[in-house]
Protein backbone atom coordinates (compact mmCIF):
# COMPACT_ATOMS: atom_id res chain seq x y z
CA MET A 1 -0.10 -0.18 0.05
CA HIS A 2 2.81 2.52 0.93
CA LEU A 3 4.60 1.67 -2.10
CA VAL A 4 1.36 2.44 -4.36
CA MET A 5 0.83 5.97 -2.48
CA HIS A 6 4.51 6.85 -3.31
CA ARG A 7 3.68 5.81 -6.65
CA VAL A 8 0.75 8.11 -6.87
CA VAL A 9 2.52 10.88 -5.12
CA LEU A 10 5.23 10.84 -8.03
CA VAL A 11 3.25 10.64 -11.15
CA PHE A 12 1.14 13.37 -9.52
CA ALA A 13 4.13 15.50 -8.89
CA VAL A 14 5.34 14.93 -12.49
CA ILE A 15 1.96 15.56 -14.29
CA SER A 16 1.62 18.98 -11.97
CA ALA A 17 5.24 19.78 -13.20
CA ALA A 18 4.26 19.95 -16.74
CA VAL A 19 1.02 21.67 -16.23
CA ARG A 20 3.45 24.40 -14.32
CA ALA A 21 6.11 24.66 -17.04
CA ASP A 22 4.38 27.26 -19.60
CA ALA A 23 5.71 29.63 -21.72
CA THR A 24 6.34 31.79 -18.67
CA ASP A 25 9.13 29.15 -16.79
CA PRO A 26 12.67 30.15 -17.82
CA VAL A 27 14.76 27.31 -18.76
CA ASP A 28 17.78 29.37 -17.23
CA PRO A 29 20.98 27.86 -19.19
CA PRO A 30 24.06 29.32 -18.18
CA PRO A 31 25.31 33.12 -19.55
CA PRO A 32 28.07 33.17 -22.04
CA CYS A 33 30.01 36.01 -20.20
CA ALA A 34 30.89 36.87 -16.34
CA GLY A 35 28.06 39.02 -15.01
CA CYS A 36 25.82 38.18 -18.06
CA THR A 37 22.28 36.53 -17.56
CA LEU A 38 20.53 34.79 -20.03
CA ASP A 39 16.93 33.92 -19.93
CA VAL A 40 14.89 31.56 -21.85
CA ALA A 41 11.38 30.81 -21.78
CA ALA A 42 10.61 26.92 -21.67
CA ALA A 43 11.46 24.89 -24.26
CA SER A 44 10.17 25.37 -27.80
CA SER A 45 9.96 23.16 -30.66
CA ASP A 46 10.31 26.10 -32.86
CA PRO A 47 13.82 28.62 -32.55
CA VAL A 48 12.76 31.84 -30.33
CA PRO A 49 13.65 35.38 -30.93
CA LEU A 50 16.15 36.88 -28.72
CA VAL A 51 16.54 40.12 -27.29
CA VAL A 52 20.14 41.45 -26.58
CA VAL A 53 20.52 44.36 -24.02
CA LEU A 54 23.18 46.65 -22.87
CA HIS A 55 22.99 48.50 -19.54
CA GLY A 56 23.58 52.08 -18.49
CA ASP A 57 26.55 53.47 -16.43
CA ASN A 58 24.47 53.64 -13.25
CA ASP A 59 23.69 49.86 -13.54
CA ASN A 60 24.64 46.53 -14.77
CA GLY A 61 23.63 43.45 -16.65
CA ARG A 62 21.94 41.62 -13.90
CA GLU A 63 19.73 44.99 -13.14
CA ARG A 64 19.08 45.45 -16.31
CA ALA A 65 17.58 42.23 -17.10
CA LYS A 66 15.26 42.85 -14.71
CA LYS A 67 13.71 45.43 -16.59
CA TRP A 68 13.29 43.58 -19.95
CA ARG A 69 12.33 39.78 -18.41
CA PRO A 70 8.79 39.60 -17.67
CA ALA A 71 7.83 40.94 -20.93
CA VAL A 72 10.38 39.19 -22.89
CA LEU A 73 9.34 35.63 -21.05
CA ARG A 74 6.00 36.53 -21.53
CA ARG A 75 6.22 36.37 -25.25
CA GLY A 76 8.05 33.20 -24.93
CA TRP A 77 11.45 34.76 -26.34
CA ALA A 78 14.98 34.45 -24.73
CA LEU A 79 16.97 37.71 -23.07
CA LEU A 80 20.67 38.25 -23.04
CA SER A 81 21.48 40.82 -20.68
CA LEU A 82 25.40 41.52 -21.46
CA ASN A 83 27.26 43.18 -18.62
CA CYS A 84 30.41 45.60 -19.97
CA PRO A 85 33.24 43.41 -19.69
CA GLU A 86 35.61 45.08 -17.22
CA SER A 87 38.22 42.16 -17.51
CA ARG A 88 38.51 43.38 -21.27
CA GLY A 89 39.29 46.95 -20.56
CA CYS A 90 35.80 48.07 -20.27
CA PRO A 91 36.07 51.39 -17.97
CA ASP A 92 33.91 51.09 -14.55
CA GLY A 93 31.09 49.12 -16.52
CA SER A 94 30.95 52.18 -18.89
CA TRP A 95 29.84 50.84 -22.43
CA TYR A 96 30.09 54.21 -23.87
CA ARG A 97 33.55 54.58 -22.73
CA TRP A 98 34.96 51.30 -23.89
CA GLN A 99 36.97 51.74 -27.11
CA HIS A 100 36.49 47.95 -28.13
CA ASP A 101 35.85 46.56 -31.12
CA PRO A 102 31.93 45.56 -31.21
CA GLY A 103 32.59 42.42 -31.90
CA TRP A 104 32.57 40.94 -28.48
CA VAL A 105 29.17 41.45 -28.49
CA ARG A 106 28.97 39.11 -31.42
CA ASP A 107 31.08 36.32 -29.83
CA GLN A 108 28.58 36.19 -26.87
CA VAL A 109 25.33 36.08 -29.19
CA ARG A 110 27.27 33.48 -31.15
CA GLU A 111 27.71 31.38 -28.14
CA VAL A 112 24.13 31.63 -26.99
CA THR A 113 22.69 30.46 -30.35
CA GLU A 114 25.07 27.52 -30.47
CA ARG A 115 23.57 26.26 -27.13
CA VAL A 116 20.05 27.72 -27.79
CA ARG A 117 17.24 26.98 -30.37
CA ILE A 118 17.43 30.94 -31.38
CA ASP A 119 15.43 32.09 -34.67
CA THR A 120 18.64 33.94 -36.13
CA SER A 121 16.32 36.17 -38.16
CA ARG A 122 14.87 37.66 -35.24
CA ILE A 123 17.67 39.04 -32.98
CA TYR A 124 17.41 42.68 -31.71
CA ILE A 125 20.01 44.93 -29.87
CA VAL A 126 18.48 47.22 -27.15
CA GLY A 127 20.73 49.93 -25.33
CA TRP A 128 19.88 52.21 -22.10
CA SER A 129 21.58 54.97 -21.60
CA GLY A 130 25.63 54.31 -22.32
CA GLY A 131 24.61 51.44 -23.78
CA ALA A 132 22.53 53.11 -26.17
CA THR A 133 24.98 55.52 -26.97
CA PHE A 134 27.87 52.56 -27.52
CA ILE A 135 25.00 50.94 -30.18
CA GLY A 136 25.03 54.63 -31.86
CA LYS A 137 29.10 54.92 -31.94
CA HIS A 138 29.34 51.51 -33.65
CA LEU A 139 26.06 51.67 -35.96
CA GLN A 140 27.54 50.12 -39.00
CA HIS A 141 28.86 46.80 -36.79
CA TRP A 142 24.94 46.06 -35.76
CA PRO A 143 23.20 45.13 -38.89
CA ARG A 144 25.10 42.29 -39.93
CA MET A 145 23.95 40.53 -36.68
CA PHE A 146 20.49 42.37 -35.26
CA ALA A 147 17.45 42.99 -37.62
CA ALA A 148 16.60 45.99 -35.41
CA ALA A 149 17.86 47.89 -32.44
CA VAL A 150 16.04 49.91 -29.24
CA ILE A 151 17.57 53.28 -28.70
CA HIS A 152 16.24 54.45 -24.87
CA GLY A 153 17.71 57.22 -22.90
CA GLY A 154 20.74 57.47 -25.13
CA GLY A 155 22.74 57.19 -28.29
CA VAL A 156 25.16 59.55 -30.48
CA PRO A 157 25.42 59.19 -34.43
CA PRO A 158 28.23 56.84 -35.80
CA ARG A 159 31.80 58.32 -36.27
CA SER A 160 31.36 57.62 -40.27
CA SER A 161 28.06 58.40 -42.11
CA GLU A 162 28.32 55.44 -44.23
CA CYS A 163 24.81 54.23 -44.24
CA PRO A 164 23.85 50.76 -42.98
CA GLU A 165 24.60 47.82 -45.83
CA ARG A 166 21.38 45.93 -44.71
CA PRO A 167 17.91 47.74 -43.46
CA PHE A 168 18.05 48.27 -39.72
CA PRO A 169 15.04 49.61 -38.18
CA ALA A 170 15.47 51.66 -34.69
CA TYR A 171 12.70 52.31 -31.99
CA PHE A 172 13.62 55.30 -29.94
CA LEU A 173 12.08 55.86 -26.71
CA VAL A 174 13.44 59.30 -25.37
CA GLY A 175 12.95 62.21 -23.80
CA ASP A 176 13.46 65.81 -24.35
CA LYS A 177 14.59 66.98 -21.32
CA ASN A 178 17.47 64.50 -21.22
CA PRO A 179 20.69 67.04 -21.44
CA SER A 180 21.97 64.90 -24.21
CA HIS A 181 18.83 64.68 -26.02
CA GLY A 182 20.45 66.31 -28.97
CA ALA A 183 22.76 63.58 -29.76
CA ALA A 184 19.81 61.15 -29.70
CA LYS A 185 18.00 63.40 -32.19
CA ARG A 186 21.26 63.52 -34.82
CA LEU A 187 21.23 59.79 -34.21
CA ARG A 188 17.59 59.73 -35.65
CA ALA A 189 18.51 62.20 -38.09
CA TYR A 190 21.32 59.66 -39.38
CA PHE A 191 18.92 56.56 -39.55
CA GLU A 192 16.61 59.19 -41.53
CA ALA A 193 19.31 60.05 -44.01
CA CYS A 194 20.13 56.59 -44.98
CA ALA A 195 16.27 55.78 -45.28
CA GLN A 196 15.93 53.66 -42.04
CA GLU A 197 12.80 52.86 -40.58
CA VAL A 198 12.50 55.26 -37.38
CA ARG A 199 9.62 54.96 -34.39
CA TRP A 200 10.35 57.69 -32.32
CA ASP A 201 8.84 57.32 -28.90
CA LEU A 202 9.11 60.94 -27.61
CA LEU A 203 8.77 61.27 -23.57
CA PRO A 204 7.58 64.93 -23.93
CA GLY A 205 9.03 67.08 -20.22
CA ALA A 206 11.58 63.39 -19.42
CA ASN A 207 14.49 63.72 -18.20
CA HIS A 208 16.92 60.96 -17.65
CA PRO A 209 15.19 59.40 -14.46
CA LYS A 210 11.96 59.57 -16.13
CA GLU A 211 13.22 58.02 -19.41
CA ASP A 212 13.98 54.92 -17.44
CA ALA A 213 10.76 54.67 -15.26
CA ALA A 214 8.85 55.09 -18.80
CA LEU A 215 10.20 51.48 -19.45
CA THR A 216 7.26 49.78 -17.51
CA PRO A 217 6.07 46.30 -18.06
CA GLU A 218 3.35 47.01 -20.66
CA LYS A 219 6.09 49.78 -22.52
CA ALA A 220 8.11 46.93 -23.10
CA SER A 221 5.80 44.65 -24.18
CA GLU A 222 4.76 47.54 -26.66
CA ILE A 223 8.33 47.65 -28.34
CA LEU A 224 8.56 44.08 -28.38
CA GLU A 225 5.19 43.91 -30.29
CA TRP A 226 7.05 46.68 -32.99
CA LEU A 227 10.18 44.51 -32.94
CA ALA A 228 8.30 41.11 -33.54
CA THR A 229 7.78 41.84 -37.32
CA ARG A 230 11.09 42.81 -38.24
CA ARG A 231 13.26 40.35 -39.47
CA HIS A 232 16.84 40.08 -40.84
CA PRO A 233 17.02 39.83 -44.30
CA GLU A 234 20.06 37.00 -44.18
CA ALA A 235 21.01 34.34 -42.16
CA TRP A 236 22.87 35.45 -39.13
CA SER A 237 26.53 34.14 -39.04
């Protein structure tokens, strides 16, 4: 009798675990780099989109992941939040002051695609504050890897006016009371001069803290909805 009851309890536990394993239950594979985070929604038979996040100067990869994780996992996607690597010379975790080949970002993404079933036509890069500025500084590199970008509370135009080789849409979430708002406007002008698609989500009267506060779970979901239909025209490599 005791053995039968034990088996019943075990079967019930297995069934209960299966029921709980919906699209919001992360798989939690190990991240590819120190201080980084990697979250993947429950296993899917199909490859999933990947959102790659670069933090600002006043936070880090783990903290910035918290802003995006609920919305990303709710959609059944994957989230890679990168920590600017001090071991590679990143000064005080500052993306915008890091004078380094952005190929490091590519390497981390490649490692994830080798371990997780990622839809490589739907990999997106998101930058907050200094992370957004890092994206702008190296703009010509990203269209080789990513289907679209999100510029949140930062951004500068690239040093070269050369246009991207591929379509590269950009979503801006910016406030006009950020002291560096002019740089974000110049980055927008660069995209428009290159005939790239731009979504300009302006926060009137918002300073830098209010730009950050504007990224609610609802706003993150809205941005992901916009990203979802943007695809890389070629296979990622």
